[in-house]
Amino acid sequence: MIEEEPNIVTSGKSQRVIIDGHPFSIEIYRAETDQNWMLEVVDQDGTSHVWDDQFASDKEARNAAIQAIEEEGAVAFMRGDNVIRFRGR
């Protein structure tokens, strides 16, 4: 029997922000069957940064993203040295 993929719930706290002149997309989501939220920040080049930790609330996830961007600066999310490229790209 093939198991169906769960529906994904996207938080209303997901948003686009501009930090130091660079646009970022803060994506907060969870599986419909899960209680905890996942956090992903996508930079202007489409590079995705996903947190290992999960969050009890979407507000907590959004605050963690904003805090990380403000503390580390936008450039920290755009460095090429912390990106693992998929084959064929």
PDB file of N, CA and C in Angstrom:
ATOM      1  N   MET A   1       0.840  -1.178   0.000  1.00  0.00           N
ATOM      2  CA  MET A   1       0.000   0.000   0.000  1.00  0.00           C
ATOM      3  C   MET A   1       0.887   1.244   0.000  1.00  0.00           C
ATOM      4  N   ILE A   2       0.598   2.179  -0.875  1.00  0.00           N
ATOM      5  CA  ILE A   2       1.361   3.417  -0.976  1.00  0.00           C
ATOM      6  C   ILE A   2       0.786   4.429   0.003  1.00  0.00           C
ATOM      7  N   GLU A   3       1.679   4.981   0.823  1.00  0.00           N
ATOM      8  CA  GLU A   3       1.263   5.960   1.821  1.00  0.00           C
ATOM      9  C   GLU A   3       1.169   7.338   1.167  1.00  0.00           C
ATOM     10  N   GLU A   4       0.069   8.035   1.416  1.00  0.00           N
ATOM     11  CA  GLU A   4      -0.120   9.363   0.851  1.00  0.00           C
ATOM     12  C   GLU A   4       0.735  10.382   1.582  1.00  0.00           C
ATOM     13  N   GLU A   5       1.200  11.380   0.823  1.00  0.00           N
ATOM     14  CA  GLU A   5       1.928  12.490   1.412  1.00  0.00           C
ATOM     15  C   GLU A   5       0.942  13.346   2.204  1.00  0.00           C
ATOM     16  N   PRO A   6       1.353  13.837   3.373  1.00  0.00           N
ATOM     17  CA  PRO A   6       0.431  14.675   4.152  1.00  0.00           C
ATOM     18  C   PRO A   6       0.243  16.042   3.496  1.00  0.00           C
ATOM     19  N   ASN A   7      -0.882  16.654   3.755  1.00  0.00           N
ATOM     20  CA  ASN A   7      -1.104  18.014   3.282  1.00  0.00           C
ATOM     21  C   ASN A   7      -0.194  18.952   4.055  1.00  0.00           C
ATOM     22  N   ILE A   8       0.296  19.982   3.365  1.00  0.00           N
ATOM     23  CA  ILE A   8       1.171  20.971   3.989  1.00  0.00           C
ATOM     24  C   ILE A   8       0.354  22.204   4.332  1.00  0.00           C
ATOM     25  N   VAL A   9       0.501  22.670   5.571  1.00  0.00           N
ATOM     26  CA  VAL A   9      -0.170  23.878   6.040  1.00  0.00           C
ATOM     27  C   VAL A   9       0.869  24.993   6.063  1.00  0.00           C
ATOM     28  N   THR A  10       0.598  26.078   5.355  1.00  0.00           N
ATOM     29  CA  THR A  10       1.491  27.233   5.336  1.00  0.00           C
ATOM     30  C   THR A  10       0.952  28.280   6.295  1.00  0.00           C
ATOM     31  N   SER A  11       1.819  28.786   7.138  1.00  0.00           N
ATOM     32  CA  SER A  11       1.425  29.772   8.143  1.00  0.00           C
ATOM     33  C   SER A  11       1.172  31.142   7.514  1.00  0.00           C
ATOM     34  N   GLY A  12       0.230  31.849   8.073  1.00  0.00           N
ATOM     35  CA  GLY A  12      -0.005  33.235   7.693  1.00  0.00           C
ATOM     36  C   GLY A  12       1.127  34.143   8.132  1.00  0.00           C
ATOM     37  N   LYS A  13       2.033  33.627   8.959  1.00  0.00           N
ATOM     38  CA  LYS A  13       3.198  34.398   9.404  1.00  0.00           C
ATOM     39  C   LYS A  13       4.336  34.331   8.390  1.00  0.00           C
ATOM     40  N   SER A  14       4.197  33.498   7.368  1.00  0.00           N
ATOM     41  CA  SER A  14       5.185  33.491   6.287  1.00  0.00           C
ATOM     42  C   SER A  14       5.150  34.866   5.634  1.00  0.00           C
ATOM     43  N   GLN A  15       6.326  35.357   5.255  1.00  0.00           N
ATOM     44  CA  GLN A  15       6.349  36.701   4.691  1.00  0.00           C
ATOM     45  C   GLN A  15       7.617  36.943   3.899  1.00  0.00           C
ATOM     46  N   ARG A  16       7.596  38.009   3.122  1.00  0.00           N
ATOM     47  CA  ARG A  16       8.784  38.471   2.414  1.00  0.00           C
ATOM     48  C   ARG A  16       9.304  39.684   3.167  1.00  0.00           C
ATOM     49  N   VAL A  17      10.627  39.722   3.372  1.00  0.00           N
ATOM     50  CA  VAL A  17      11.250  40.848   4.068  1.00  0.00           C
ATOM     51  C   VAL A  17      12.458  41.313   3.272  1.00  0.00           C
ATOM     52  N   ILE A  18      12.843  42.551   3.494  1.00  0.00           N
ATOM     53  CA  ILE A  18      14.064  43.080   2.889  1.00  0.00           C
ATOM     54  C   ILE A  18      14.985  43.470   4.032  1.00  0.00           C
ATOM     55  N   ILE A  19      16.164  42.865   4.053  1.00  0.00           N
ATOM     56  CA  ILE A  19      17.169  43.131   5.072  1.00  0.00           C
ATOM     57  C   ILE A  19      18.444  43.575   4.360  1.00  0.00           C
ATOM     58  N   ASP A  20      18.983  44.704   4.771  1.00  0.00           N
ATOM     59  CA  ASP A  20      20.201  45.249   4.149  1.00  0.00           C
ATOM     60  C   ASP A  20      20.055  45.348   2.633  1.00  0.00           C
ATOM     61  N   GLY A  21      18.847  45.623   2.163  1.00  0.00           N
ATOM     62  CA  GLY A  21      18.601  45.775   0.729  1.00  0.00           C
ATOM     63  C   GLY A  21      18.420  44.471  -0.026  1.00  0.00           C
ATOM     64  N   HIS A  22      18.414  43.341   0.677  1.00  0.00           N
ATOM     65  CA  HIS A  22      18.285  42.024   0.039  1.00  0.00           C
ATOM     66  C   HIS A  22      16.945  41.394   0.419  1.00  0.00           C
ATOM     67  N   PRO A  23      16.194  40.915  -0.575  1.00  0.00           N
ATOM     68  CA  PRO A  23      14.900  40.286  -0.280  1.00  0.00           C
ATOM     69  C   PRO A  23      15.067  38.840   0.193  1.00  0.00           C
ATOM     70  N   PHE A  24      14.253  38.477   1.164  1.00  0.00           N
ATOM     71  CA  PHE A  24      14.199  37.113   1.673  1.00  0.00           C
ATOM     72  C   PHE A  24      12.745  36.695   1.791  1.00  0.00           C
ATOM     73  N   SER A  25      12.516  35.414   1.621  1.00  0.00           N
ATOM     74  CA  SER A  25      11.199  34.843   1.833  1.00  0.00           C
ATOM     75  C   SER A  25      11.289  33.964   3.070  1.00  0.00           C
ATOM     76  N   ILE A  26      10.484  34.278   4.084  1.00  0.00           N
ATOM     77  CA  ILE A  26      10.427  33.470   5.298  1.00  0.00           C
ATOM     78  C   ILE A  26       9.235  32.537   5.145  1.00  0.00           C
ATOM     79  N   GLU A  27       9.521  31.249   5.046  1.00  0.00           N
ATOM     80  CA  GLU A  27       8.491  30.238   4.840  1.00  0.00           C
ATOM     81  C   GLU A  27       8.316  29.429   6.120  1.00  0.00           C
ATOM     82  N   ILE A  28       7.108  29.397   6.637  1.00  0.00           N
ATOM     83  CA  ILE A  28       6.797  28.663   7.859  1.00  0.00           C
ATOM     84  C   ILE A  28       5.680  27.682   7.521  1.00  0.00           C
ATOM     85  N   TYR A  29       5.926  26.411   7.763  1.00  0.00           N
ATOM     86  CA  TYR A  29       4.948  25.401   7.359  1.00  0.00           C
ATOM     87  C   TYR A  29       5.043  24.166   8.251  1.00  0.00           C
ATOM     88  N   ARG A  30       4.042  23.330   8.151  1.00  0.00           N
ATOM     89  CA  ARG A  30       4.023  22.057   8.877  1.00  0.00           C
ATOM     90  C   ARG A  30       3.134  21.083   8.116  1.00  0.00           C
ATOM     91  N   ALA A  31       3.343  19.814   8.387  1.00  0.00           N
ATOM     92  CA  ALA A  31       2.430  18.811   7.850  1.00  0.00           C
ATOM     93  C   ALA A  31       1.116  18.944   8.613  1.00  0.00           C
ATOM     94  N   GLU A  32       0.034  18.690   7.944  1.00  0.00           N
ATOM     95  CA  GLU A  32      -1.297  18.813   8.551  1.00  0.00           C
ATOM     96  C   GLU A  32      -1.421  17.963   9.823  1.00  0.00           C
ATOM     97  N   THR A  33      -0.694  16.867   9.862  1.00  0.00           N
ATOM     98  CA  THR A  33      -0.777  15.947  10.995  1.00  0.00           C
ATOM     99  C   THR A  33       0.209  16.285  12.114  1.00  0.00           C
ATOM    100  N   ASP A  34       1.090  17.256  11.900  1.00  0.00           N
ATOM    101  CA  ASP A  34       2.089  17.641  12.903  1.00  0.00           C
ATOM    102  C   ASP A  34       1.640  18.872  13.680  1.00  0.00           C
ATOM    103  N   GLN A  35       2.185  19.018  14.863  1.00  0.00           N
ATOM    104  CA  GLN A  35       1.908  20.196  15.682  1.00  0.00           C
ATOM    105  C   GLN A  35       3.013  21.248  15.553  1.00  0.00           C
ATOM    106  N   ASN A  36       4.247  20.803  15.293  1.00  0.00           N
ATOM    107  CA  ASN A  36       5.391  21.713  15.242  1.00  0.00           C
ATOM    108  C   ASN A  36       5.589  22.292  13.849  1.00  0.00           C
ATOM    109  N   TRP A  37       6.147  23.498  13.826  1.00  0.00           N
ATOM    110  CA  TRP A  37       6.351  24.237  12.586  1.00  0.00           C
ATOM    111  C   TRP A  37       7.799  24.149  12.126  1.00  0.00           C
ATOM    112  N   MET A  38       7.997  24.105  10.820  1.00  0.00           N
ATOM    113  CA  MET A  38       9.309  24.125  10.187  1.00  0.00           C
ATOM    114  C   MET A  38       9.573  25.542   9.698  1.00  0.00           C
ATOM    115  N   LEU A  39      10.852  25.907   9.627  1.00  0.00           N
ATOM    116  CA  LEU A  39      11.244  27.245   9.194  1.00  0.00           C
ATOM    117  C   LEU A  39      12.247  27.145   8.067  1.00  0.00           C
ATOM    118  N   GLU A  40      12.010  27.920   7.034  1.00  0.00           N
ATOM    119  CA  GLU A  40      12.900  27.974   5.880  1.00  0.00           C
ATOM    120  C   GLU A  40      13.018  29.429   5.451  1.00  0.00           C
ATOM    121  N   VAL A  41      14.243  29.880   5.204  1.00  0.00           N
ATOM    122  CA  VAL A  41      14.476  31.216   4.661  1.00  0.00           C
ATOM    123  C   VAL A  41      15.101  31.034   3.297  1.00  0.00           C
ATOM    124  N   VAL A  42      14.524  31.690   2.286  1.00  0.00           N
ATOM    125  CA  VAL A  42      15.007  31.584   0.915  1.00  0.00           C
ATOM    126  C   VAL A  42      15.534  32.951   0.492  1.00  0.00           C
ATOM    127  N   ASP A  43      16.779  32.982  -0.008  1.00  0.00           N
ATOM    128  CA  ASP A  43      17.369  34.255  -0.419  1.00  0.00           C
ATOM    129  C   ASP A  43      16.977  34.595  -1.859  1.00  0.00           C
ATOM    130  N   GLN A  44      17.465  35.724  -2.339  1.00  0.00           N
ATOM    131  CA  GLN A  44      17.082  36.218  -3.658  1.00  0.00           C
ATOM    132  C   GLN A  44      17.526  35.318  -4.805  1.00  0.00           C
ATOM    133  N   ASP A  45      18.505  34.452  -4.560  1.00  0.00           N
ATOM    134  CA  ASP A  45      18.965  33.518  -5.588  1.00  0.00           C
ATOM    135  C   ASP A  45      18.250  32.176  -5.518  1.00  0.00           C
ATOM    136  N   GLY A  46      17.304  32.061  -4.582  1.00  0.00           N
ATOM    137  CA  GLY A  46      16.558  30.814  -4.443  1.00  0.00           C
ATOM    138  C   GLY A  46      17.238  29.787  -3.554  1.00  0.00           C
ATOM    139  N   THR A  47      18.314  30.204  -2.865  1.00  0.00           N
ATOM    140  CA  THR A  47      19.001  29.292  -1.954  1.00  0.00           C
ATOM    141  C   THR A  47      18.189  29.164  -0.677  1.00  0.00           C
ATOM    142  N   SER A  48      17.940  27.939  -0.278  1.00  0.00           N
ATOM    143  CA  SER A  48      17.086  27.637   0.866  1.00  0.00           C
ATOM    144  C   SER A  48      17.930  27.326   2.096  1.00  0.00           C
ATOM    145  N   HIS A  49      17.536  27.919   3.223  1.00  0.00           N
ATOM    146  CA  HIS A  49      18.171  27.655   4.510  1.00  0.00           C
ATOM    147  C   HIS A  49      17.088  27.137   5.439  1.00  0.00           C
ATOM    148  N   VAL A  50      17.176  25.860   5.799  1.00  0.00           N
ATOM    149  CA  VAL A  50      16.144  25.219   6.617  1.00  0.00           C
ATOM    150  C   VAL A  50      16.703  24.977   8.018  1.00  0.00           C
ATOM    151  N   TRP A  51      15.955  25.370   9.021  1.00  0.00           N
ATOM    152  CA  TRP A  51      16.357  25.154  10.410  1.00  0.00           C
ATOM    153  C   TRP A  51      16.194  23.676  10.757  1.00  0.00           C
ATOM    154  N   ASP A  52      17.139  23.161  11.531  1.00  0.00           N
ATOM    155  CA  ASP A  52      17.024  21.788  12.033  1.00  0.00           C
ATOM    156  C   ASP A  52      15.956  21.702  13.108  1.00  0.00           C
ATOM    157  N   ASP A  53      15.857  22.757  13.918  1.00  0.00           N
ATOM    158  CA  ASP A  53      14.882  22.790  15.007  1.00  0.00           C
ATOM    159  C   ASP A  53      13.479  23.010  14.465  1.00  0.00           C
ATOM    160  N   GLN A  54      12.508  22.481  15.176  1.00  0.00           N
ATOM    161  CA  GLN A  54      11.111  22.763  14.882  1.00  0.00           C
ATOM    162  C   GLN A  54      10.589  23.671  15.978  1.00  0.00           C
ATOM    163  N   PHE A  55       9.490  24.348  15.709  1.00  0.00           N
ATOM    164  CA  PHE A  55       8.979  25.366  16.620  1.00  0.00           C
ATOM    165  C   PHE A  55       7.557  25.044  17.046  1.00  0.00           C
ATOM    166  N   ALA A  56       7.256  25.363  18.308  1.00  0.00           N
ATOM    167  CA  ALA A  56       5.931  25.085  18.861  1.00  0.00           C
ATOM    168  C   ALA A  56       4.860  25.989  18.257  1.00  0.00           C
ATOM    169  N   SER A  57       5.265  27.183  17.794  1.00  0.00           N
ATOM    170  CA  SER A  57       4.286  28.093  17.188  1.00  0.00           C
ATOM    171  C   SER A  57       4.895  28.741  15.943  1.00  0.00           C
ATOM    172  N   ASP A  58       4.031  29.177  15.050  1.00  0.00           N
ATOM    173  CA  ASP A  58       4.514  29.852  13.854  1.00  0.00           C
ATOM    174  C   ASP A  58       5.117  31.212  14.192  1.00  0.00           C
ATOM    175  N   LYS A  59       4.614  31.840  15.245  1.00  0.00           N
ATOM    176  CA  LYS A  59       5.179  33.125  15.693  1.00  0.00           C
ATOM    177  C   LYS A  59       6.615  32.933  16.175  1.00  0.00           C
ATOM    178  N   GLU A  60       6.852  31.869  16.918  1.00  0.00           N
ATOM    179  CA  GLU A  60       8.202  31.553  17.401  1.00  0.00           C
ATOM    180  C   GLU A  60       9.151  31.322  16.219  1.00  0.00           C
ATOM    181  N   ALA A  61       8.688  30.637  15.198  1.00  0.00           N
ATOM    182  CA  ALA A  61       9.499  30.381  14.010  1.00  0.00           C
ATOM    183  C   ALA A  61       9.831  31.686  13.292  1.00  0.00           C
ATOM    184  N   ARG A  62       8.826  32.544  13.101  1.00  0.00           N
ATOM    185  CA  ARG A  62       9.056  33.830  12.427  1.00  0.00           C
ATOM    186  C   ARG A  62      10.056  34.680  13.205  1.00  0.00           C
ATOM    187  N   ASN A  63       9.909  34.718  14.518  1.00  0.00           N
ATOM    188  CA  ASN A  63      10.827  35.505  15.340  1.00  0.00           C
ATOM    189  C   ASN A  63      12.256  34.976  15.251  1.00  0.00           C
ATOM    190  N   ALA A  64      12.421  33.668  15.182  1.00  0.00           N
ATOM    191  CA  ALA A  64      13.753  33.068  15.050  1.00  0.00           C
ATOM    192  C   ALA A  64      14.394  33.462  13.727  1.00  0.00           C
ATOM    193  N   ALA A  65      13.616  33.497  12.667  1.00  0.00           N
ATOM    194  CA  ALA A  65      14.147  33.885  11.357  1.00  0.00           C
ATOM    195  C   ALA A  65      14.586  35.341  11.360  1.00  0.00           C
ATOM    196  N   ILE A  66      13.723  36.221  11.845  1.00  0.00           N
ATOM    197  CA  ILE A  66      14.053  37.647  11.872  1.00  0.00           C
ATOM    198  C   ILE A  66      15.284  37.883  12.736  1.00  0.00           C
ATOM    199  N   GLN A  67      15.345  37.238  13.892  1.00  0.00           N
ATOM    200  CA  GLN A  67      16.485  37.404  14.793  1.00  0.00           C
ATOM    201  C   GLN A  67      17.779  36.933  14.121  1.00  0.00           C
ATOM    202  N   ALA A  68      17.745  35.785  13.460  1.00  0.00           N
ATOM    203  CA  ALA A  68      18.940  35.258  12.803  1.00  0.00           C
ATOM    204  C   ALA A  68      19.406  36.183  11.688  1.00  0.00           C
ATOM    205  N   ILE A  69      18.474  36.681  10.885  1.00  0.00           N
ATOM    206  CA  ILE A  69      18.847  37.581   9.787  1.00  0.00           C
ATOM    207  C   ILE A  69      19.427  38.878  10.342  1.00  0.00           C
ATOM    208  N   GLU A  70      18.792  39.435  11.370  1.00  0.00           N
ATOM    209  CA  GLU A  70      19.280  40.691  11.939  1.00  0.00           C
ATOM    210  C   GLU A  70      20.627  40.522  12.640  1.00  0.00           C
ATOM    211  N   GLU A  71      20.829  39.417  13.370  1.00  0.00           N
ATOM    212  CA  GLU A  71      22.084  39.192  14.086  1.00  0.00           C
ATOM    213  C   GLU A  71      23.233  38.836  13.154  1.00  0.00           C
ATOM    214  N   GLU A  72      22.966  37.994  12.176  1.00  0.00           N
ATOM    215  CA  GLU A  72      24.026  37.522  11.292  1.00  0.00           C
ATOM    216  C   GLU A  72      24.183  38.380  10.054  1.00  0.00           C
ATOM    217  N   GLY A  73      23.168  39.178   9.762  1.00  0.00           N
ATOM    218  CA  GLY A  73      23.205  40.011   8.570  1.00  0.00           C
ATOM    219  C   GLY A  73      22.777  39.221   7.349  1.00  0.00           C
ATOM    220  N   ALA A  74      22.300  39.939   6.389  1.00  0.00           N
ATOM    221  CA  ALA A  74      21.788  39.305   5.177  1.00  0.00           C
ATOM    222  C   ALA A  74      22.867  38.518   4.444  1.00  0.00           C
ATOM    223  N   VAL A  75      24.085  39.025   4.437  1.00  0.00           N
ATOM    224  CA  VAL A  75      25.168  38.392   3.684  1.00  0.00           C
ATOM    225  C   VAL A  75      25.469  36.991   4.208  1.00  0.00           C
ATOM    226  N   ALA A  76      25.270  36.749   5.500  1.00  0.00           N
ATOM    227  CA  ALA A  76      25.530  35.418   6.060  1.00  0.00           C
ATOM    228  C   ALA A  76      24.654  34.358   5.413  1.00  0.00           C
ATOM    229  N   PHE A  77      23.471  34.746   4.958  1.00  0.00           N
ATOM    230  CA  PHE A  77      22.569  33.804   4.307  1.00  0.00           C
ATOM    231  C   PHE A  77      22.863  33.658   2.821  1.00  0.00           C
ATOM    232  N   MET A  78      23.753  34.477   2.313  1.00  0.00           N
ATOM    233  CA  MET A  78      24.020  34.459   0.880  1.00  0.00           C
ATOM    234  C   MET A  78      25.418  33.947   0.553  1.00  0.00           C
ATOM    235  N   ARG A  79      26.178  33.511   1.562  1.00  0.00           N
ATOM    236  CA  ARG A  79      27.519  32.973   1.326  1.00  0.00           C
ATOM    237  C   ARG A  79      27.418  31.657   0.564  1.00  0.00           C
ATOM    238  N   GLY A  80      28.285  31.486  -0.389  1.00  0.00           N
ATOM    239  CA  GLY A  80      28.310  30.244  -1.153  1.00  0.00           C
ATOM    240  C   GLY A  80      29.006  29.107  -0.439  1.00  0.00           C
ATOM    241  N   ASP A  81      29.780  29.405   0.616  1.00  0.00           N
ATOM    242  CA  ASP A  81      30.570  28.359   1.263  1.00  0.00           C
ATOM    243  C   ASP A  81      29.759  27.465   2.190  1.00  0.00           C
ATOM    244  N   ASN A  82      28.510  27.811   2.443  1.00  0.00           N
ATOM    245  CA  ASN A  82      27.679  26.977   3.308  1.00  0.00           C
ATOM    246  C   ASN A  82      26.537  26.300   2.551  1.00  0.00           C
ATOM    247  N   VAL A  83      26.677  26.243   1.237  1.00  0.00           N
ATOM    248  CA  VAL A  83      25.635  25.680   0.392  1.00  0.00           C
ATOM    249  C   VAL A  83      26.120  24.360  -0.197  1.00  0.00           C
ATOM    250  N   ILE A  84      25.276  23.358  -0.116  1.00  0.00           N
ATOM    251  CA  ILE A  84      25.573  22.066  -0.733  1.00  0.00           C
ATOM    252  C   ILE A  84      24.786  22.003  -2.036  1.00  0.00           C
ATOM    253  N   ARG A  85      25.484  21.940  -3.135  1.00  0.00           N
ATOM    254  CA  ARG A  85      24.824  21.912  -4.447  1.00  0.00           C
ATOM    255  C   ARG A  85      24.345  20.519  -4.779  1.00  0.00           C
ATOM    256  N   PHE A  86      23.188  20.434  -5.376  1.00  0.00           N
ATOM    257  CA  PHE A  86      22.675  19.153  -5.868  1.00  0.00           C
ATOM    258  C   PHE A  86      23.362  18.845  -7.182  1.00  0.00           C
ATOM    259  N   ARG A  87      23.588  17.577  -7.437  1.00  0.00           N
ATOM    260  CA  ARG A  87      24.207  17.175  -8.706  1.00  0.00           C
ATOM    261  C   ARG A  87      23.339  17.619  -9.862  1.00  0.00           C
ATOM    262  N   GLY A  88      23.982  17.975 -10.937  1.00  0.00           N
ATOM    263  CA  GLY A  88      23.250  18.394 -12.128  1.00  0.00           C
ATOM    264  C   GLY A  88      22.928  19.878 -12.141  1.00  0.00           C
ATOM    265  N   ARG A  89      23.408  20.601 -11.150  1.00  0.00           N
ATOM    266  CA  ARG A  89      23.153  22.056 -11.122  1.00  0.00           C
ATOM    267  C   ARG A  89      24.444  22.821 -11.189  1.00  0.00           C
TER     268      ARG A  89
END
